[in-house]
C-alpha atoms as a PDB file:
ATOM      1  CA  MET A   1      86.455  81.067  93.268  1.00  0.00           C
ATOM      2  CA  PRO A   2      82.908  80.108  94.297  1.00  0.00           C
ATOM      3  CA  VAL A   3      82.394  81.234  97.862  1.00  0.00           C
ATOM      4  CA  GLY A   4      81.773  78.400 100.367  1.00  0.00           C
ATOM      5  CA  THR A   5      81.802  80.488 103.518  1.00  0.00           C
ATOM      6  CA  CYS A   6      80.874  77.643 106.035  1.00  0.00           C
ATOM      7  CA  GLY A   7      82.431  74.790 104.110  1.00  0.00           C
ATOM      8  CA  SER A   8      79.739  74.549 101.417  1.00  0.00           C
ATOM      9  CA  VAL A   9      78.697  76.649  98.320  1.00  0.00           C
ATOM     10  CA  LYS A  10      75.093  77.511  99.094  1.00  0.00           C
ATOM     11  CA  GLY A  11      72.630  75.307  97.235  1.00  0.00           C
ATOM     12  CA  VAL A  12      75.287  73.659  95.059  1.00  0.00           C
ATOM     13  CA  HIS A  13      76.538  70.012  95.299  1.00  0.00           C
ATOM     14  CA  PHE A  14      80.296  69.474  94.862  1.00  0.00           C
ATOM     15  CA  ASN A  15      79.642  67.188  91.878  1.00  0.00           C
ATOM     16  CA  GLU A  16      77.908  70.052  90.128  1.00  0.00           C
ATOM     17  CA  LEU A  17      80.812  72.400  91.117  1.00  0.00           C
ATOM     18  CA  ARG A  18      83.279  70.007  89.550  1.00  0.00           C
ATOM     19  CA  GLN A  19      81.420  68.921  86.417  1.00  0.00           C
ATOM     20  CA  GLN A  20      79.135  71.741  85.368  1.00  0.00           C
ATOM     21  CA  VAL A  21      80.665  74.852  87.057  1.00  0.00           C
ATOM     22  CA  GLN A  22      84.183  73.360  86.622  1.00  0.00           C
ATOM     23  CA  ALA A  23      85.485  75.122  89.690  1.00  0.00           C
ATOM     24  CA  GLN A  24      89.133  74.526  90.306  1.00  0.00           C
ATOM     25  CA  ILE A  25      89.120  76.002  93.875  1.00  0.00           C
ATOM     26  CA  ILE A  26      86.532  77.215  96.363  1.00  0.00           C
ATOM     27  CA  LEU A  27      86.680  79.806  99.275  1.00  0.00           C
ATOM     28  CA  GLY A  28      86.062  79.169 102.926  1.00  0.00           C
ATOM     29  CA  ASN A  29      85.966  81.673 105.854  1.00  0.00           C
ATOM     30  CA  THR A  30      88.104  81.341 108.923  1.00  0.00           C
ATOM     31  CA  TYR A  31      85.696  83.354 111.181  1.00  0.00           C
ATOM     32  CA  HIS A  32      82.646  81.261 110.278  1.00  0.00           C
ATOM     33  CA  LEU A  33      84.507  77.857 110.278  1.00  0.00           C
ATOM     34  CA  TYR A  34      86.126  78.689 113.635  1.00  0.00           C
ATOM     35  CA  LEU A  35      82.707  79.357 115.146  1.00  0.00           C
ATOM     36  CA  ARG A  36      80.902  76.432 113.481  1.00  0.00           C
ATOM     37  CA  PRO A  37      81.684  73.533 113.221  1.00  0.00           C
ATOM     38  CA  GLY A  38      84.733  74.629 115.295  1.00  0.00           C
ATOM     39  CA  LEU A  39      88.404  73.655 115.427  1.00  0.00           C
ATOM     40  CA  GLU A  40      87.924  70.511 117.478  1.00  0.00           C
ATOM     41  CA  VAL A  41      85.681  68.940 114.788  1.00  0.00           C
ATOM     42  CA  LEU A  42      87.897  70.126 111.950  1.00  0.00           C
ATOM     43  CA  ARG A  43      91.123  68.768 113.508  1.00  0.00           C
ATOM     44  CA  ALA A  44      89.395  65.452 114.379  1.00  0.00           C
ATOM     45  CA  ALA A  45      88.125  65.167 110.726  1.00  0.00           C
ATOM     46  CA  GLY A  46      91.602  65.798 109.314  1.00  0.00           C
ATOM     47  CA  GLY A  47      90.880  69.294 107.974  1.00  0.00           C
ATOM     48  CA  LEU A  48      88.193  70.789 105.909  1.00  0.00           C
ATOM     49  CA  HIS A  49      88.964  68.754 102.759  1.00  0.00           C
ATOM     50  CA  ARG A  50      88.148  65.515 104.500  1.00  0.00           C
ATOM     51  CA  PHE A  51      85.284  67.063 106.443  1.00  0.00           C
ATOM     52  CA  ASN A  52      83.414  68.365 103.446  1.00  0.00           C
ATOM     53  CA  GLY A  53      84.669  65.995 100.649  1.00  0.00           C
ATOM     54  CA  TRP A  54      86.115  68.697  98.414  1.00  0.00           C
ATOM     55  CA  ASP A  55      89.231  67.239  96.687  1.00  0.00           C
ATOM     56  CA  ARG A  56      90.430  70.484  95.017  1.00  0.00           C
ATOM     57  CA  PRO A  57      92.181  73.483  96.556  1.00  0.00           C
ATOM     58  CA  ILE A  58      90.511  75.684  99.130  1.00  0.00           C
ATOM     59  CA  LEU A  59      91.412  79.240 100.057  1.00  0.00           C
ATOM     60  CA  THR A  60      90.380  80.625 103.414  1.00  0.00           C
ATOM     61  CA  ASP A  61      89.816  84.299 104.168  1.00  0.00           C
ATOM     62  CA  SER A  62      91.399  85.275 107.525  1.00  0.00           C
ATOM     63  CA  GLY A  63      88.284  86.770 109.114  1.00  0.00           C
ATOM     64  CA  GLY A  64      89.605  90.283 108.519  1.00  0.00           C
ATOM     65  CA  PHE A  65      86.546  91.334 106.529  1.00  0.00           C
ATOM     66  CA  GLN A  66      84.261  89.941 109.267  1.00  0.00           C
ATOM     67  CA  VAL A  67      86.227  92.218 111.695  1.00  0.00           C
ATOM     68  CA  PHE A  68      85.288  95.182 109.384  1.00  0.00           C
ATOM     69  CA  SER A  69      81.566  94.082 109.206  1.00  0.00           C
ATOM     70  CA  LEU A  70      81.161  93.433 112.928  1.00  0.00           C
ATOM     71  CA  THR A  71      81.594  97.212 113.828  1.00  0.00           C
ATOM     72  CA  GLY A  72      79.762  97.586 117.079  1.00  0.00           C
ATOM     73  CA  ILE A  73      80.471  94.086 118.475  1.00  0.00           C
ATOM     74  CA  ARG A  74      84.238  94.056 117.995  1.00  0.00           C
ATOM     75  CA  LYS A  75      87.202  95.875 119.562  1.00  0.00           C
ATOM     76  CA  LEU A  76      90.590  96.344 117.714  1.00  0.00           C
ATOM     77  CA  THR A  77      93.859  96.491 119.613  1.00  0.00           C
ATOM     78  CA  GLU A  78      97.454  95.970 118.662  1.00  0.00           C
ATOM     79  CA  ALA A  79      97.218  92.455 120.071  1.00  0.00           C
ATOM     80  CA  GLY A  80      94.306  91.457 117.784  1.00  0.00           C
ATOM     81  CA  CYS A  81      90.591  91.673 117.545  1.00  0.00           C
ATOM     82  CA  GLU A  82      88.093  90.822 120.312  1.00  0.00           C
ATOM     83  CA  PHE A  83      84.680  90.071 118.972  1.00  0.00           C
ATOM     84  CA  ARG A  84      81.366  88.551 119.906  1.00  0.00           C
ATOM     85  CA  SER A  85      79.882  85.630 117.971  1.00  0.00           C
ATOM     86  CA  HIS A  86      76.974  86.505 115.749  1.00  0.00           C
ATOM     87  CA  ILE A  87      75.554  83.108 116.644  1.00  0.00           C
ATOM     88  CA  ASP A  88      75.428  83.161 120.470  1.00  0.00           C
ATOM     89  CA  GLY A  89      77.118  86.401 121.587  1.00  0.00           C
ATOM     90  CA  SER A  90      80.122  84.507 123.058  1.00  0.00           C
ATOM     91  CA  LYS A  91      83.399  86.472 123.322  1.00  0.00           C
ATOM     92  CA  HIS A  92      86.389  85.488 121.166  1.00  0.00           C
ATOM     93  CA  PHE A  93      89.853  86.906 120.360  1.00  0.00           C
ATOM     94  CA  PHE A  94      91.700  86.784 117.008  1.00  0.00           C
ATOM     95  CA  THR A  95      95.374  87.430 116.819  1.00  0.00           C
ATOM     96  CA  PRO A  96      97.730  87.073 113.800  1.00  0.00           C
ATOM     97  CA  GLU A  97      99.225  84.040 115.487  1.00  0.00           C
ATOM     98  CA  ASN A  98      96.011  82.136 116.373  1.00  0.00           C
ATOM     99  CA  VAL A  99      94.564  82.906 112.947  1.00  0.00           C
ATOM    100  CA  MET A 100      97.570  81.192 111.393  1.00  0.00           C
ATOM    101  CA  ASP A 101      97.056  78.263 113.790  1.00  0.00           C
ATOM    102  CA  THR A 102      93.317  78.204 112.891  1.00  0.00           C
ATOM    103  CA  GLU A 103      93.994  78.114 109.122  1.00  0.00           C
ATOM    104  CA  ARG A 104      96.555  75.341 109.678  1.00  0.00           C
ATOM    105  CA  ILE A 105      93.795  73.301 111.407  1.00  0.00           C
ATOM    106  CA  ILE A 106      91.325  74.074 108.633  1.00  0.00           C
ATOM    107  CA  GLY A 107      93.942  72.965 106.153  1.00  0.00           C
ATOM    108  CA  ALA A 108      93.452  75.608 103.562  1.00  0.00           C
ATOM    109  CA  ASP A 109      95.710  75.378 100.542  1.00  0.00           C
ATOM    110  CA  ILE A 110      95.907  79.110 100.488  1.00  0.00           C
ATOM    111  CA  MET A 111      95.825  80.987 103.856  1.00  0.00           C
ATOM    112  CA  MET A 112      95.163  84.716 104.102  1.00  0.00           C
ATOM    113  CA  ALA A 113      96.917  86.946 106.536  1.00  0.00           C
ATOM    114  CA  LEU A 114      94.866  88.711 109.219  1.00  0.00           C
ATOM    115  CA  ASP A 115      94.284  92.374 108.360  1.00  0.00           C
ATOM    116  CA  GLU A 116      91.832  95.133 109.118  1.00  0.00           C
ATOM    117  CA  CYS A 117      89.525  96.146 106.200  1.00  0.00           C
ATOM    118  CA  PRO A 118      88.790  99.860 106.771  1.00  0.00           C
ATOM    119  CA  PRO A 119      85.652 101.357 105.321  1.00  0.00           C
ATOM    120  CA  GLY A 120      85.952 102.721 101.812  1.00  0.00           C
ATOM    121  CA  LYS A 121      85.304 106.286 102.885  1.00  0.00           C
ATOM    122  CA  SER A 122      87.736 106.303 105.794  1.00  0.00           C
ATOM    123  CA  ASP A 123      89.799 109.505 106.300  1.00  0.00           C
ATOM    124  CA  TYR A 124      93.473 109.479 105.668  1.00  0.00           C
ATOM    125  CA  GLN A 125      94.513 109.508 109.350  1.00  0.00           C
ATOM    126  CA  TYR A 126      92.388 106.315 110.077  1.00  0.00           C
ATOM    127  CA  ALA A 127      93.503 104.610 106.917  1.00  0.00           C
ATOM    128  CA  LYS A 128      97.124 105.187 107.568  1.00  0.00           C
ATOM    129  CA  LYS A 129      96.828 103.963 111.250  1.00  0.00           C
ATOM    130  CA  SER A 130      94.838 100.901 110.042  1.00  0.00           C
ATOM    131  CA  LEU A 131      97.462 100.087 107.371  1.00  0.00           C
ATOM    132  CA  GLU A 132     100.379 100.407 109.821  1.00  0.00           C
ATOM    133  CA  MET A 133      98.695  97.916 112.185  1.00  0.00           C
ATOM    134  CA  THR A 134      97.888  95.615 109.261  1.00  0.00           C
ATOM    135  CA  GLN A 135     101.509  95.531 108.268  1.00  0.00           C
ATOM    136  CA  ARG A 136     102.616  94.768 111.806  1.00  0.00           C
ATOM    137  CA  TRP A 137     100.020  91.998 111.863  1.00  0.00           C
ATOM    138  CA  LEU A 138     101.389  90.655 108.567  1.00  0.00           C
ATOM    139  CA  ASP A 139     104.868  90.444 110.043  1.00  0.00           C
ATOM    140  CA  ARG A 140     103.558  88.434 112.938  1.00  0.00           C
ATOM    141  CA  CYS A 141     101.515  86.187 110.600  1.00  0.00           C
ATOM    142  CA  ILE A 142     104.630  85.362 108.574  1.00  0.00           C
ATOM    143  CA  GLN A 143     106.647  84.631 111.622  1.00  0.00           C
ATOM    144  CA  ARG A 144     103.945  82.254 112.909  1.00  0.00           C
ATOM    145  CA  PHE A 145     103.505  80.671 109.575  1.00  0.00           C
ATOM    146  CA  GLU A 146     107.306  79.943 109.206  1.00  0.00           C
ATOM    147  CA  GLU A 147     107.538  78.479 112.706  1.00  0.00           C
ATOM    148  CA  THR A 148     104.708  75.942 112.120  1.00  0.00           C
ATOM    149  CA  GLU A 149     104.156  73.145 109.799  1.00  0.00           C
ATOM    150  CA  PRO A 150     101.137  71.945 107.803  1.00  0.00           C
ATOM    151  CA  LEU A 151      99.135  69.306 109.729  1.00  0.00           C
ATOM    152  CA  TYR A 152      97.899  67.122 106.955  1.00  0.00           C
ATOM    153  CA  GLY A 153     100.902  66.435 104.737  1.00  0.00           C
ATOM    154  CA  TYR A 154     100.562  68.975 102.014  1.00  0.00           C
ATOM    155  CA  HIS A 155     101.964  72.496 101.318  1.00  0.00           C
ATOM    156  CA  GLN A 156      99.995  75.554 102.320  1.00  0.00           C
ATOM    157  CA  SER A 157     100.596  79.065 100.937  1.00  0.00           C
ATOM    158  CA  LEU A 158     100.220  82.322 102.828  1.00  0.00           C
ATOM    159  CA  PHE A 159      99.038  85.377 100.833  1.00  0.00           C
ATOM    160  CA  PRO A 160      99.451  88.882 102.312  1.00  0.00           C
ATOM    161  CA  ILE A 161      96.845  91.496 101.700  1.00  0.00           C
ATOM    162  CA  VAL A 162      97.435  95.010 100.385  1.00  0.00           C
ATOM    163  CA  GLN A 163      95.256  97.612 102.179  1.00  0.00           C
ATOM    164  CA  GLY A 164      95.401 101.417 102.177  1.00  0.00           C
ATOM    165  CA  CYS A 165      91.907 102.470 101.417  1.00  0.00           C
ATOM    166  CA  THR A 166      91.615 104.971  98.556  1.00  0.00           C
ATOM    167  CA  PHE A 167      94.953 106.751  99.090  1.00  0.00           C
ATOM    168  CA  LYS A 168      97.536 106.206  96.417  1.00  0.00           C
ATOM    169  CA  ASP A 169     100.585 106.699  98.707  1.00  0.00           C
ATOM    170  CA  LEU A 170      99.223 104.249 101.208  1.00  0.00           C
ATOM    171  CA  ARG A 171      98.403 101.668  98.591  1.00  0.00           C
ATOM    172  CA  ARG A 172     101.936 102.061  97.162  1.00  0.00           C
ATOM    173  CA  GLU A 173     103.489 101.714 100.599  1.00  0.00           C
ATOM    174  CA  ALA A 174     101.338  98.619 101.252  1.00  0.00           C
ATOM    175  CA  ALA A 175     102.059  97.032  97.916  1.00  0.00           C
ATOM    176  CA  LYS A 176     105.852  97.454  98.364  1.00  0.00           C
ATOM    177  CA  HIS A 177     105.595  96.019 101.903  1.00  0.00           C
ATOM    178  CA  VAL A 178     103.678  93.027 100.592  1.00  0.00           C
ATOM    179  CA  ALA A 179     105.888  92.537  97.528  1.00  0.00           C
ATOM    180  CA  ASP A 180     109.038  92.469  99.607  1.00  0.00           C
ATOM    181  CA  LYS A 181     107.757  89.438 101.616  1.00  0.00           C
ATOM    182  CA  GLY A 182     108.183  87.105  98.583  1.00  0.00           C
ATOM    183  CA  ALA A 183     104.998  85.241  99.205  1.00  0.00           C
ATOM    184  CA  ASP A 184     103.534  82.589  96.728  1.00  0.00           C
ATOM    185  CA  GLY A 185     100.766  85.133  95.819  1.00  0.00           C
ATOM    186  CA  ASN A 186      99.379  88.512  96.915  1.00  0.00           C
ATOM    187  CA  ALA A 187      95.914  89.836  97.501  1.00  0.00           C
ATOM    188  CA  ILE A 188      94.291  93.288  97.143  1.00  0.00           C
ATOM    189  CA  GLY A 189      91.750  93.962  99.876  1.00  0.00           C
ATOM    190  CA  GLY A 190      89.604  96.792 101.052  1.00  0.00           C
ATOM    191  CA  LEU A 191      88.010  97.579  97.708  1.00  0.00           C
ATOM    192  CA  ALA A 192      84.302  97.379  96.680  1.00  0.00           C
ATOM    193  CA  VAL A 193      83.541  98.534 100.215  1.00  0.00           C
ATOM    194  CA  GLY A 194      81.743 101.745  99.369  1.00  0.00           C
ATOM    195  CA  GLU A 195      84.161 103.630  97.049  1.00  0.00           C
ATOM    196  CA  PRO A 196      83.170 104.611  93.514  1.00  0.00           C
ATOM    197  CA  THR A 197      84.040 101.865  90.886  1.00  0.00           C
ATOM    198  CA  GLU A 198      86.359 104.084  89.023  1.00  0.00           C
ATOM    199  CA  VAL A 199      88.374 104.692  92.199  1.00  0.00           C
ATOM    200  CA  MET A 200      88.548 100.861  92.684  1.00  0.00           C
ATOM    201  CA  TYR A 201      90.078 100.515  89.241  1.00  0.00           C
ATOM    202  CA  GLU A 202      92.512 103.308  89.925  1.00  0.00           C
ATOM    203  CA  MET A 203      93.626 101.633  93.168  1.00  0.00           C
ATOM    204  CA  ILE A 204      94.171  98.311  91.259  1.00  0.00           C
ATOM    205  CA  GLU A 205      96.408 100.095  88.709  1.00  0.00           C
ATOM    206  CA  VAL A 206      98.424 101.729  91.445  1.00  0.00           C
ATOM    207  CA  VAL A 207      98.920  98.447  93.304  1.00  0.00           C
ATOM    208  CA  ASN A 208      99.672  96.276  90.303  1.00  0.00           C
ATOM    209  CA  GLU A 209     102.437  98.551  89.163  1.00  0.00           C
ATOM    210  CA  ILE A 210     104.326  97.299  92.229  1.00  0.00           C
ATOM    211  CA  LEU A 211     103.095  93.704  92.965  1.00  0.00           C
ATOM    212  CA  PRO A 212     105.248  91.030  91.247  1.00  0.00           C
ATOM    213  CA  LYS A 213     103.952  90.138  87.826  1.00  0.00           C
ATOM    214  CA  ASP A 214     104.995  86.547  88.086  1.00  0.00           C
ATOM    215  CA  LYS A 215     102.920  85.912  91.278  1.00  0.00           C
ATOM    216  CA  PRO A 216      99.082  85.565  91.344  1.00  0.00           C
ATOM    217  CA  ARG A 217      97.260  88.753  92.200  1.00  0.00           C
ATOM    218  CA  TYR A 218      93.995  88.188  94.004  1.00  0.00           C
ATOM    219  CA  LEU A 219      91.267  90.893  94.140  1.00  0.00           C
ATOM    220  CA  MET A 220      89.176  89.989  97.181  1.00  0.00           C
ATOM    221  CA  GLY A 221      85.380  90.175  97.132  1.00  0.00           C
ATOM    222  CA  VAL A 222      84.912  91.449  93.618  1.00  0.00           C
ATOM    223  CA  GLY A 223      82.479  91.585  91.733  1.00  0.00           C
ATOM    224  CA  THR A 224      80.157  92.037  88.748  1.00  0.00           C
ATOM    225  CA  PRO A 225      81.136  90.485  85.369  1.00  0.00           C
ATOM    226  CA  GLN A 226      82.173  93.947  84.242  1.00  0.00           C
ATOM    227  CA  ASN A 227      84.352  94.529  87.389  1.00  0.00           C
ATOM    228  CA  ILE A 228      86.083  91.244  86.702  1.00  0.00           C
ATOM    229  CA  LEU A 229      86.960  92.036  83.093  1.00  0.00           C
ATOM    230  CA  GLU A 230      88.180  95.550  83.954  1.00  0.00           C
ATOM    231  CA  ALA A 231      90.344  94.087  86.793  1.00  0.00           C
ATOM    232  CA  ILE A 232      91.690  91.389  84.484  1.00  0.00           C
ATOM    233  CA  GLU A 233      92.715  94.130  82.047  1.00  0.00           C
ATOM    234  CA  ARG A 234      94.630  95.754  84.940  1.00  0.00           C
ATOM    235  CA  GLY A 235      96.430  92.657  85.833  1.00  0.00           C
ATOM    236  CA  VAL A 236      94.403  90.689  88.365  1.00  0.00           C
ATOM    237  CA  ASP A 237      94.437  86.879  88.243  1.00  0.00           C
ATOM    238  CA  MET A 238      92.103  85.585  91.017  1.00  0.00           C
ATOM    239  CA  PHE A 239      88.646  86.643  92.187  1.00  0.00           C
ATOM    240  CA  ASP A 240      85.948  85.596  94.664  1.00  0.00           C
ATOM    241  CA  CYS A 241      82.507  87.052  95.180  1.00  0.00           C
ATOM    242  CA  VAL A 242      79.179  85.915  96.697  1.00  0.00           C
ATOM    243  CA  MET A 243      77.315  87.683  93.886  1.00  0.00           C
ATOM    244  CA  PRO A 244      76.795  84.680  91.557  1.00  0.00           C
ATOM    245  CA  THR A 245      74.977  82.650  94.312  1.00  0.00           C
ATOM    246  CA  ARG A 246      73.428  85.441  96.232  1.00  0.00           C
ATOM    247  CA  ASN A 247      71.977  87.091  93.188  1.00  0.00           C
ATOM    248  CA  GLY A 248      70.964  83.674  91.810  1.00  0.00           C
ATOM    249  CA  ARG A 249      69.003  82.911  94.944  1.00  0.00           C
ATOM    250  CA  ASN A 250      67.196  86.244  94.300  1.00  0.00           C
ATOM    251  CA  ALA A 251      66.295  85.270  90.672  1.00  0.00           C
ATOM    252  CA  MET A 252      68.973  87.374  88.869  1.00  0.00           C
ATOM    253  CA  LEU A 253      70.833  85.517  86.193  1.00  0.00           C
ATOM    254  CA  PHE A 254      74.002  86.792  84.513  1.00  0.00           C
ATOM    255  CA  THR A 255      74.507  86.128  80.791  1.00  0.00           C
ATOM    256  CA  TYR A 256      76.584  87.523  77.986  1.00  0.00           C
ATOM    257  CA  ASN A 257      73.410  89.291  76.826  1.00  0.00           C
ATOM    258  CA  GLY A 258      72.813  90.940  80.188  1.00  0.00           C
ATOM    259  CA  THR A 259      71.111  90.152  83.420  1.00  0.00           C
ATOM    260  CA  MET A 260      67.655  88.488  83.646  1.00  0.00           C
ATOM    261  CA  ASN A 261      65.179  88.741  86.450  1.00  0.00           C
ATOM    262  CA  MET A 262      63.482  85.405  86.315  1.00  0.00           C
ATOM    263  CA  ARG A 263      60.472  86.633  88.453  1.00  0.00           C
ATOM    264  CA  ASN A 264      59.476  88.910  85.516  1.00  0.00           C
ATOM    265  CA  LYS A 265      56.300  87.933  83.678  1.00  0.00           C
ATOM    266  CA  LYS A 266      58.102  88.138  80.322  1.00  0.00           C
ATOM    267  CA  TRP A 267      59.620  84.695  80.925  1.00  0.00           C
ATOM    268  CA  GLU A 268      56.348  82.968  81.692  1.00  0.00           C
ATOM    269  CA  MET A 269      55.860  81.599  78.107  1.00  0.00           C
ATOM    270  CA  ASP A 270      59.556  81.550  77.044  1.00  0.00           C
ATOM    271  CA  PHE A 271      60.276  77.832  76.529  1.00  0.00           C
ATOM    272  CA  SER A 272      63.854  78.385  75.273  1.00  0.00           C
ATOM    273  CA  PRO A 273      66.749  77.047  77.343  1.00  0.00           C
ATOM    274  CA  ILE A 274      68.017  79.195  80.135  1.00  0.00           C
ATOM    275  CA  ASP A 275      71.304  79.719  78.174  1.00  0.00           C
ATOM    276  CA  GLU A 276      71.932  77.700  74.955  1.00  0.00           C
ATOM    277  CA  GLU A 277      75.706  78.267  75.341  1.00  0.00           C
ATOM    278  CA  GLY A 278      75.758  77.484  79.036  1.00  0.00           C
ATOM    279  CA  CYS A 279      76.264  74.362  81.271  1.00  0.00           C
ATOM    280  CA  GLU A 280      74.176  71.255  81.150  1.00  0.00           C
ATOM    281  CA  THR A 281      71.590  72.673  83.692  1.00  0.00           C
ATOM    282  CA  ASP A 282      71.126  75.704  81.410  1.00  0.00           C
ATOM    283  CA  LYS A 283      70.165  73.428  78.485  1.00  0.00           C
ATOM    284  CA  VAL A 284      67.949  71.035  80.449  1.00  0.00           C
ATOM    285  CA  TYR A 285      65.645  73.648  81.934  1.00  0.00           C
ATOM    286  CA  THR A 286      63.668  76.539  80.201  1.00  0.00           C
ATOM    287  CA  LYS A 287      63.281  80.142  81.181  1.00  0.00           C
ATOM    288  CA  ALA A 288      59.548  79.426  81.673  1.00  0.00           C
ATOM    289  CA  TYR A 289      60.143  76.640  84.043  1.00  0.00           C
ATOM    290  CA  LEU A 290      62.657  78.511  86.136  1.00  0.00           C
ATOM    291  CA  HIS A 291      60.209  81.510  86.288  1.00  0.00           C
ATOM    292  CA  HIS A 292      57.655  79.036  87.490  1.00  0.00           C
ATOM    293  CA  LEU A 293      59.949  77.630  90.202  1.00  0.00           C
ATOM    294  CA  PHE A 294      60.692  81.189  91.513  1.00  0.00           C
ATOM    295  CA  LYS A 295      57.010  82.170  91.535  1.00  0.00           C
ATOM    296  CA  ALA A 296      56.188  78.893  93.399  1.00  0.00           C
ATOM    297  CA  GLN A 297      59.146  79.546  95.843  1.00  0.00           C
ATOM    298  CA  GLU A 298      60.650  76.104  95.068  1.00  0.00           C
ATOM    299  CA  LEU A 299      64.110  75.572  96.407  1.00  0.00           C
ATOM    300  CA  LEU A 300      65.154  74.035  93.017  1.00  0.00           C
ATOM    301  CA  ALA A 301      64.878  77.581  91.620  1.00  0.00           C
ATOM    302  CA  MET A 302      67.709  78.891  93.799  1.00  0.00           C
ATOM    303  CA  GLN A 303      69.799  75.862  93.019  1.00  0.00           C
ATOM    304  CA  ILE A 304      69.389  76.084  89.263  1.00  0.00           C
ATOM    305  CA  ALA A 305      70.110  79.899  89.290  1.00  0.00           C
ATOM    306  CA  SER A 306      73.230  79.401  91.470  1.00  0.00           C
ATOM    307  CA  ILE A 307      74.602  76.727  89.154  1.00  0.00           C
ATOM    308  CA  HIS A 308      73.899  78.883  86.138  1.00  0.00           C
ATOM    309  CA  ASN A 309      75.587  81.981  87.606  1.00  0.00           C
ATOM    310  CA  LEU A 310      78.670  80.158  88.832  1.00  0.00           C
ATOM    311  CA  ALA A 311      79.082  78.280  85.524  1.00  0.00           C
ATOM    312  CA  PHE A 312      78.746  81.608  83.665  1.00  0.00           C
ATOM    313  CA  TYR A 313      81.342  83.357  85.907  1.00  0.00           C
ATOM    314  CA  LEU A 314      83.800  80.453  85.228  1.00  0.00           C
ATOM    315  CA  ARG A 315      83.025  80.554  81.603  1.00  0.00           C
ATOM    316  CA  LEU A 316      83.657  84.348  81.551  1.00  0.00           C
ATOM    317  CA  VAL A 317      87.135  84.051  83.079  1.00  0.00           C
ATOM    318  CA  THR A 318      87.962  80.942  80.945  1.00  0.00           C
ATOM    319  CA  ASP A 319      87.042  82.997  77.848  1.00  0.00           C
ATOM    320  CA  ALA A 320      89.123  85.860  79.136  1.00  0.00           C
ATOM    321  CA  ARG A 321      92.134  83.596  79.560  1.00  0.00           C
ATOM    322  CA  GLN A 322      91.726  82.216  76.057  1.00  0.00           C
ATOM    323  CA  HIS A 323      91.601  85.775  74.539  1.00  0.00           C
ATOM    324  CA  ILE A 324      94.672  86.783  76.543  1.00  0.00           C
ATOM    325  CA  GLU A 325      96.577  83.798  75.071  1.00  0.00           C
ATOM    326  CA  GLN A 326      95.217  84.743  71.592  1.00  0.00           C
ATOM    327  CA  GLY A 327      96.389  88.350  72.029  1.00  0.00           C
ATOM    328  CA  ASP A 328      92.991  89.942  71.481  1.00  0.00           C
ATOM    329  CA  PHE A 329      91.686  90.331  75.040  1.00  0.00           C
ATOM    330  CA  VAL A 330      91.186  94.165  74.758  1.00  0.00           C
ATOM    331  CA  GLN A 331      89.169  93.923  71.616  1.00  0.00           C
ATOM    332  CA  TRP A 332      87.115  90.983  72.980  1.00  0.00           C
ATOM    333  CA  LYS A 333      86.429  92.843  76.299  1.00  0.00           C
ATOM    334  CA  SER A 334      85.301  95.914  74.413  1.00  0.00           C
ATOM    335  CA  SER A 335      82.858  93.880  72.299  1.00  0.00           C
ATOM    336  CA  VAL A 336      81.124  92.172  75.296  1.00  0.00           C
ATOM    337  CA  ILE A 337      81.414  94.557  78.326  1.00  0.00           C
ATOM    338  CA  ASN A 338      78.457  96.857  77.544  1.00  0.00           C
ATOM    339  CA  GLN A 339      76.039  94.019  77.014  1.00  0.00           C
ATOM    340  CA  LEU A 340      77.072  92.350  80.325  1.00  0.00           C
ATOM    341  CA  GLY A 341      75.431  95.224  82.244  1.00  0.00           C
ATOM    342  CA  ARG A 342      72.184  95.387  80.338  1.00  0.00           C
ATOM    343  CA  ARG A 343      68.892  94.228  81.947  1.00  0.00           C
ATOM    344  CA  ILE A 344      66.965  92.035  79.584  1.00  0.00           C
END
């Protein structure tokens, strides 16, 4: 899922997302949309779909990760989270109930439950206390979700989030608590936040032993192409990450041959297409031209690179699905994964 935090995927038109990237769904963020443009505007517009013109599904994060990242300007209590806006310093309060109301107003097709995302290196006592509160918050989210109706005439799904940091027993407890809710899909949160990569993979395995196999499993905020293939092998179905667009804006392109830094002089006289197997944009522009645009600090450079990276990520997971259906995913993954991490 391309990340469209504030209702837009940075530097990419929706026509490009549909036609070249071929994105089926994008992500929005409850925290950011709540602050700007605000609920009054979104309700008056008829929800985010009508406000931004995206006619395919949208998933909204609950703001739980922003709660984690705002350490120092937020206060957690059983009732919810008090925080100050990063925009103007104004004080706000998120509860499980009003986050559900907010996501109803946004009109997300998939709504995430409010959780706390503890740091990856949290000690056991903190992680356990945090998980217990997240589980109580989930029960309140579900109650509010069930006693309210969609505002714009279409079904909305609520996904719970499995937390538990890097402790197997807490992850198992969390996965069972979540699985018992019978939601349309389930998410795995609190990973890729400072723990070693191998520990992340281990936690995915622990959780996916318990989460229902016939419901989508969504790994939140991950990651590199290698991370995605490793997680798919362990049973994950859905991903989001800012990496394709953020790295693209910083001149890093992902390809099956490895990553390319388009500011490097080696591309100055390379007039071959950005990626001969890629999307239309990749075939129109050359490596030399993109190198020039980055050196000249042209905005078009960031746009081209973002389109390329998003299209590559969607191509990667499309290829993965095809090889799963063919029954040779493990062999295919082994043949490509080492090259994905190379710098070329």
